[in-house]
C-alpha atoms as a PDB file:
ATOM      1  CA  MET A   1     118.986 127.569  22.224  1.00  0.00           C
ATOM      2  CA  LEU A   2     121.243 130.504  21.809  1.00  0.00           C
ATOM      3  CA  LEU A   3     123.409 129.894  24.711  1.00  0.00           C
ATOM      4  CA  LEU A   4     123.650 126.239  23.455  1.00  0.00           C
ATOM      5  CA  ALA A   5     124.673 127.129  19.896  1.00  0.00           C
ATOM      6  CA  ILE A   6     127.365 129.544  21.740  1.00  0.00           C
ATOM      7  CA  ALA A   7     128.529 127.188  24.089  1.00  0.00           C
ATOM      8  CA  VAL A   8     129.061 123.990  21.604  1.00  0.00           C
ATOM      9  CA  PRO A   9     131.799 125.682  19.415  1.00  0.00           C
ATOM     10  CA  GLY A  10     133.513 126.761  22.402  1.00  0.00           C
ATOM     11  CA  CYS A  11     134.013 123.537  23.594  1.00  0.00           C
ATOM     12  CA  LYS A  12     135.695 122.050  20.673  1.00  0.00           C
ATOM     13  CA  LYS A  13     138.754 124.047  21.149  1.00  0.00           C
ATOM     14  CA  LYS A  14     141.771 121.477  22.766  1.00  0.00           C
ATOM     15  CA  GLU A  15     144.468 122.507  24.523  1.00  0.00           C
ATOM     16  CA  PRO A  16     148.001 120.472  24.082  1.00  0.00           C
ATOM     17  CA  PRO A  17     148.771 118.424  26.856  1.00  0.00           C
ATOM     18  CA  PRO A  18     151.983 120.059  28.702  1.00  0.00           C
ATOM     19  CA  PRO A  19     155.460 118.337  28.465  1.00  0.00           C
ATOM     20  CA  PRO A  20     156.347 115.683  30.245  1.00  0.00           C
ATOM     21  CA  ALA A  21     158.737 116.182  33.265  1.00  0.00           C
ATOM     22  CA  LYS A  22     162.360 115.234  32.906  1.00  0.00           C
ATOM     23  CA  ALA A  23     163.430 112.339  34.802  1.00  0.00           C
ATOM     24  CA  THR A  24     167.006 113.185  36.357  1.00  0.00           C
ATOM     25  CA  PRO A  25     169.161 109.601  37.013  1.00  0.00           C
ATOM     26  CA  LEU A  26     170.284 109.387  40.675  1.00  0.00           C
ATOM     27  CA  PRO A  27     174.094 109.566  41.019  1.00  0.00           C
ATOM     28  CA  LYS A  28     175.807 106.435  42.209  1.00  0.00           C
ATOM     29  CA  LYS A  29     177.241 106.531  45.350  1.00  0.00           C
ATOM     30  CA  PRO A  30     180.892 105.642  45.353  1.00  0.00           C
ATOM     31  CA  GLU A  31     180.789 103.619  48.697  1.00  0.00           C
ATOM     32  CA  GLN A  32     178.587 100.918  46.893  1.00  0.00           C
ATOM     33  CA  ALA A  33     180.214 100.618  43.728  1.00  0.00           C
ATOM     34  CA  THR A  34     183.626  99.918  45.319  1.00  0.00           C
ATOM     35  CA  ALA A  35     182.537  97.963  48.295  1.00  0.00           C
ATOM     36  CA  PRO A  36     183.534  94.134  47.521  1.00  0.00           C
ATOM     37  CA  ALA A  37     180.678  91.206  48.565  1.00  0.00           C
ATOM     38  CA  ALA A  38     181.303  89.709  51.516  1.00  0.00           C
ATOM     39  CA  PRO A  39     182.333  86.199  51.466  1.00  0.00           C
ATOM     40  CA  VAL A  40     179.369  83.629  52.404  1.00  0.00           C
ATOM     41  CA  LEU A  41     180.879  81.290  55.233  1.00  0.00           C
ATOM     42  CA  PRO A  42     179.206  77.869  55.650  1.00  0.00           C
ATOM     43  CA  VAL A  43     177.018  77.708  59.050  1.00  0.00           C
ATOM     44  CA  LYS A  44     178.227  75.125  61.421  1.00  0.00           C
ATOM     45  CA  PRO A  45     175.041  73.027  62.494  1.00  0.00           C
ATOM     46  CA  VAL A  46     173.897  73.740  66.094  1.00  0.00           C
ATOM     47  CA  GLN A  47     173.387  70.311  67.026  1.00  0.00           C
ATOM     48  CA  ALA A  48     174.377  66.825  65.005  1.00  0.00           C
ATOM     49  CA  ALA A  49     171.310  65.105  63.192  1.00  0.00           C
ATOM     50  CA  LEU A  50     170.647  62.019  64.840  1.00  0.00           C
ATOM     51  CA  SER A  51     169.939  59.093  62.562  1.00  0.00           C
ATOM     52  CA  THR A  52     167.433  56.190  63.075  1.00  0.00           C
ATOM     53  CA  SER A  53     170.106  53.495  62.624  1.00  0.00           C
ATOM     54  CA  LYS A  54     171.610  54.800  65.910  1.00  0.00           C
ATOM     55  CA  LYS A  55     169.599  53.616  69.078  1.00  0.00           C
ATOM     56  CA  LEU A  56     170.882  56.260  71.745  1.00  0.00           C
ATOM     57  CA  PRO A  57     169.522  55.773  75.637  1.00  0.00           C
ATOM     58  CA  VAL A  58     167.289  58.626  76.154  1.00  0.00           C
ATOM     59  CA  LYS A  59     169.510  60.596  78.915  1.00  0.00           C
ATOM     60  CA  ASN A  60     171.833  61.039  76.040  1.00  0.00           C
ATOM     61  CA  ILE A  61     169.055  62.788  73.863  1.00  0.00           C
ATOM     62  CA  VAL A  62     168.096  65.186  76.924  1.00  0.00           C
ATOM     63  CA  GLN A  63     170.118  68.293  77.222  1.00  0.00           C
ATOM     64  CA  ALA A  64     170.813  70.259  80.140  1.00  0.00           C
ATOM     65  CA  GLN A  65     169.187  73.496  80.354  1.00  0.00           C
ATOM     66  CA  LEU A  66     171.709  76.488  79.960  1.00  0.00           C
ATOM     67  CA  THR A  67     171.379  79.537  81.308  1.00  0.00           C
ATOM     68  CA  THR A  68     173.221  82.651  79.747  1.00  0.00           C
ATOM     69  CA  SER A  69     172.333  85.368  82.493  1.00  0.00           C
ATOM     70  CA  LYS A  70     174.315  85.302  86.017  1.00  0.00           C
ATOM     71  CA  ARG A  71     173.075  85.618  89.384  1.00  0.00           C
ATOM     72  CA  ILE A  72     173.129  89.738  90.450  1.00  0.00           C
ATOM     73  CA  VAL A  73     173.814  90.291  93.983  1.00  0.00           C
ATOM     74  CA  ALA A  74     173.561  93.768  94.979  1.00  0.00           C
ATOM     75  CA  PRO A  75     176.104  95.810  96.597  1.00  0.00           C
ATOM     76  CA  ALA A  76     176.821  96.123 100.016  1.00  0.00           C
ATOM     77  CA  GLY A  77     175.358  99.318 100.394  1.00  0.00           C
ATOM     78  CA  VAL A  78     172.279  98.500  98.351  1.00  0.00           C
ATOM     79  CA  SER A  79     169.030  97.012 100.301  1.00  0.00           C
ATOM     80  CA  LEU A  80     166.462  94.646  98.208  1.00  0.00           C
ATOM     81  CA  ASP A  81     163.927  94.318 100.968  1.00  0.00           C
ATOM     82  CA  PHE A  82     160.562  95.655  99.896  1.00  0.00           C
ATOM     83  CA  THR A  83     158.453  94.761 102.782  1.00  0.00           C
ATOM     84  CA  ASN A  84     158.258  98.240 103.678  1.00  0.00           C
ATOM     85  CA  LYS A  85     157.170  99.728 100.103  1.00  0.00           C
ATOM     86  CA  ARG A  86     154.028 100.489  99.085  1.00  0.00           C
ATOM     87  CA  ASP A  87     152.254  98.360  96.703  1.00  0.00           C
ATOM     88  CA  PRO A  88     151.826 100.032  93.540  1.00  0.00           C
ATOM     89  CA  PHE A  89     148.607  98.259  92.583  1.00  0.00           C
ATOM     90  CA  LYS A  90     146.319  99.339  95.482  1.00  0.00           C
ATOM     91  CA  PRO A  91     144.562 102.510  94.910  1.00  0.00           C
ATOM     92  CA  TYR A  92     145.539 105.669  96.881  1.00  0.00           C
ATOM     93  CA  ALA A  93     141.724 106.230  97.953  1.00  0.00           C
ATOM     94  CA  GLN A  94     140.212 103.571 100.229  1.00  0.00           C
ATOM     95  CA  MET A  95     136.839 103.210 100.271  1.00  0.00           C
ATOM     96  CA  PRO A  96     135.039 102.902 104.112  1.00  0.00           C
ATOM     97  CA  LEU A  97     133.569  99.685 104.334  1.00  0.00           C
ATOM     98  CA  PRO A  98     129.948  99.674 105.684  1.00  0.00           C
ATOM     99  CA  GLN A  99     129.455  98.857 109.270  1.00  0.00           C
ATOM    100  CA  GLN A 100     126.533  96.242 108.510  1.00  0.00           C
ATOM    101  CA  SER A 101     126.145  94.845 112.331  1.00  0.00           C
ATOM    102  CA  SER A 102     126.133  98.362 113.655  1.00  0.00           C
ATOM    103  CA  ALA A 103     124.423 100.840 110.892  1.00  0.00           C
ATOM    104  CA  ASN A 104     121.386  98.249 109.697  1.00  0.00           C
ATOM    105  CA  LYS A 105     120.314  97.012 112.936  1.00  0.00           C
ATOM    106  CA  SER A 106     118.616  98.643 115.840  1.00  0.00           C
ATOM    107  CA  SER A 107     119.044  98.421 119.632  1.00  0.00           C
ATOM    108  CA  LYS A 108     117.047  95.449 119.916  1.00  0.00           C
ATOM    109  CA  GLY A 109     119.438  93.644 117.457  1.00  0.00           C
ATOM    110  CA  ARG A 110     116.504  93.507 114.765  1.00  0.00           C
ATOM    111  CA  VAL A 111     117.207  94.766 111.238  1.00  0.00           C
ATOM    112  CA  ARG A 112     115.839  98.437 110.322  1.00  0.00           C
ATOM    113  CA  ASP A 113     114.569  98.080 106.815  1.00  0.00           C
ATOM    114  CA  PRO A 114     113.445  94.279 106.955  1.00  0.00           C
ATOM    115  CA  LEU A 115     112.000  92.792 103.658  1.00  0.00           C
ATOM    116  CA  PRO A 116     108.166  92.503 103.807  1.00  0.00           C
ATOM    117  CA  ILE A 117     108.112  88.730 104.626  1.00  0.00           C
ATOM    118  CA  GLN A 118     109.678  89.679 108.004  1.00  0.00           C
ATOM    119  CA  THR A 119     107.088  92.029 108.822  1.00  0.00           C
ATOM    120  CA  PHE A 120     104.539  89.486 109.401  1.00  0.00           C
ATOM    121  CA  ASP A 121     104.059  87.257 112.561  1.00  0.00           C
ATOM    122  CA  THR A 122     105.460  83.651 111.571  1.00  0.00           C
ATOM    123  CA  GLU A 123     102.376  81.482 112.631  1.00  0.00           C
ATOM    124  CA  LYS A 124      99.970  84.270 110.084  1.00  0.00           C
ATOM    125  CA  LEU A 125     102.349  83.083 106.938  1.00  0.00           C
ATOM    126  CA  LYS A 126     100.924  80.174 104.879  1.00  0.00           C
ATOM    127  CA  VAL A 127     102.980  77.464 102.807  1.00  0.00           C
ATOM    128  CA  SER A 128     101.123  77.400  99.075  1.00  0.00           C
ATOM    129  CA  GLY A 129     104.156  75.163  97.518  1.00  0.00           C
ATOM    130  CA  ILE A 130     107.215  73.335  97.850  1.00  0.00           C
ATOM    131  CA  VAL A 131     109.755  72.408  95.284  1.00  0.00           C
ATOM    132  CA  THR A 132     112.066  69.254  96.123  1.00  0.00           C
ATOM    133  CA  GLY A 133     114.450  67.143  94.260  1.00  0.00           C
ATOM    134  CA  LEU A 134     116.634  70.110  92.735  1.00  0.00           C
ATOM    135  CA  LYS A 135     120.414  71.514  94.477  1.00  0.00           C
ATOM    136  CA  GLU A 136     118.197  72.813  97.389  1.00  0.00           C
ATOM    137  CA  ASN A 137     114.479  72.549  98.206  1.00  0.00           C
ATOM    138  CA  THR A 138     112.410  75.996  97.807  1.00  0.00           C
ATOM    139  CA  ALA A 139     108.994  76.716  99.143  1.00  0.00           C
ATOM    140  CA  LEU A 140     106.280  79.250  97.857  1.00  0.00           C
ATOM    141  CA  ILE A 141     105.043  81.446 101.319  1.00  0.00           C
ATOM    142  CA  ILE A 142     101.972  83.477 101.223  1.00  0.00           C
ATOM    143  CA  ASP A 143     101.514  86.622 103.621  1.00  0.00           C
ATOM    144  CA  PRO A 144      98.412  87.815 105.143  1.00  0.00           C
ATOM    145  CA  ASN A 145      98.167  90.182 102.227  1.00  0.00           C
ATOM    146  CA  ASN A 146      98.393  87.175  99.464  1.00  0.00           C
ATOM    147  CA  LYS A 147     101.438  88.258  98.459  1.00  0.00           C
ATOM    148  CA  GLY A 148     103.677  85.047  97.676  1.00  0.00           C
ATOM    149  CA  TYR A 149     107.352  84.730  98.629  1.00  0.00           C
ATOM    150  CA  VAL A 150     109.946  81.872  97.505  1.00  0.00           C
ATOM    151  CA  VAL A 151     112.142  80.929 100.235  1.00  0.00           C
ATOM    152  CA  ARG A 152     114.976  78.479 100.743  1.00  0.00           C
ATOM    153  CA  GLN A 153     116.963  77.545 103.634  1.00  0.00           C
ATOM    154  CA  GLY A 154     118.669  79.643 105.758  1.00  0.00           C
ATOM    155  CA  MET A 155     116.619  82.989 104.585  1.00  0.00           C
ATOM    156  CA  LEU A 156     114.915  85.121 107.055  1.00  0.00           C
ATOM    157  CA  ILE A 157     111.168  85.142 107.854  1.00  0.00           C
ATOM    158  CA  GLY A 158     109.129  86.538 110.110  1.00  0.00           C
ATOM    159  CA  ASN A 159     109.199  89.199 112.820  1.00  0.00           C
ATOM    160  CA  ASN A 160     110.953  87.524 115.526  1.00  0.00           C
ATOM    161  CA  ASP A 161     114.138  86.902 113.541  1.00  0.00           C
ATOM    162  CA  GLY A 162     112.935  83.713 112.141  1.00  0.00           C
ATOM    163  CA  VAL A 163     115.482  81.585 110.230  1.00  0.00           C
ATOM    164  CA  VAL A 164     114.360  78.959 107.520  1.00  0.00           C
ATOM    165  CA  LYS A 165     116.042  75.576 108.990  1.00  0.00           C
ATOM    166  CA  LYS A 166     114.725  72.973 107.244  1.00  0.00           C
ATOM    167  CA  ILE A 167     112.101  72.361 104.016  1.00  0.00           C
ATOM    168  CA  THR A 168     110.755  68.743 103.614  1.00  0.00           C
ATOM    169  CA  SER A 169     108.291  67.431 100.977  1.00  0.00           C
ATOM    170  CA  ASN A 170     105.431  68.769 103.192  1.00  0.00           C
ATOM    171  CA  ALA A 171     106.432  71.026 105.639  1.00  0.00           C
ATOM    172  CA  VAL A 172     109.015  74.345 106.461  1.00  0.00           C
ATOM    173  CA  GLU A 173     110.395  74.562 109.664  1.00  0.00           C
ATOM    174  CA  VAL A 174     111.577  78.115 110.800  1.00  0.00           C
ATOM    175  CA  GLU A 175     113.682  78.608 113.778  1.00  0.00           C
ATOM    176  CA  GLU A 176     113.020  81.736 116.004  1.00  0.00           C
ATOM    177  CA  SER A 177     115.129  83.267 118.284  1.00  0.00           C
ATOM    178  CA  SER A 178     113.620  86.058 121.127  1.00  0.00           C
ATOM    179  CA  ARG A 179     115.030  87.507 124.543  1.00  0.00           C
ATOM    180  CA  ASP A 180     113.155  86.738 127.928  1.00  0.00           C
ATOM    181  CA  ASP A 181     112.644  88.994 130.684  1.00  0.00           C
ATOM    182  CA  ASN A 182     116.072  87.532 132.364  1.00  0.00           C
ATOM    183  CA  GLY A 183     118.128  88.456 129.077  1.00  0.00           C
ATOM    184  CA  ARG A 184     117.958  84.625 127.867  1.00  0.00           C
ATOM    185  CA  ILE A 185     117.778  83.714 124.059  1.00  0.00           C
ATOM    186  CA  ARG A 186     114.628  81.700 123.881  1.00  0.00           C
ATOM    187  CA  LYS A 187     114.464  79.566 120.644  1.00  0.00           C
ATOM    188  CA  ARG A 188     111.336  78.177 119.094  1.00  0.00           C
ATOM    189  CA  VAL A 189     110.662  75.812 115.967  1.00  0.00           C
ATOM    190  CA  VAL A 190     107.678  76.661 114.164  1.00  0.00           C
ATOM    191  CA  LYS A 191     106.387  74.192 111.814  1.00  0.00           C
ATOM    192  CA  LEU A 192     104.322  75.644 108.579  1.00  0.00           C
ATOM    193  CA  THR A 193     102.627  72.944 106.918  1.00  0.00           C
ATOM    194  CA  LEU A 194     101.827  72.552 103.308  1.00  0.00           C
ATOM    195  CA  LEU A 195      97.857  73.117 102.316  1.00  0.00           C
ATOM    196  CA  ARG A 196      96.141  70.026 101.282  1.00  0.00           C
ATOM    197  CA  LYS A 197      93.881  70.118  98.231  1.00  0.00           C
ATOM    198  CA  LYS A 198      90.305  68.555  99.307  1.00  0.00           C
END
């Protein structure tokens, strides 16, 4: 309370505000005052306005395109042939392309890291369902471990480099290729039929 009694009378003193700064006018430049105003000239129209009463043919209305730039011819000693120049948009470091044919296949010609559906014999696979009528037919294939795979035409299937050739409404045709003892390539077609409900 005592502090409040001391602080309140001390706040009542007001200090006079500082006097405002004097504004000094800027001197006028003699060039601006003595320079006469430029005369205003009328501007000529670029193209005369067409009246609707005049019927001009279409070929007179269309103007020929005019170019203001001239063709620049190189001096005799300067060559403008850029065929031997490097493309500025190509990167400096070139990434080597992976060799899929040699790096991904073994000596027998089979894929080193096959998909799980490529590890089973084709005859052991079962067709559980076929979807037709879309952009391309698809089939649901069940492997011996009861795992399902959706296949389309052109996909690899089976351990003998089988390729899905055709998917009909009731069967899937797989074409397998293998080499015999003489080195000839033998092709056989395995037809996997859709299991019917009883």
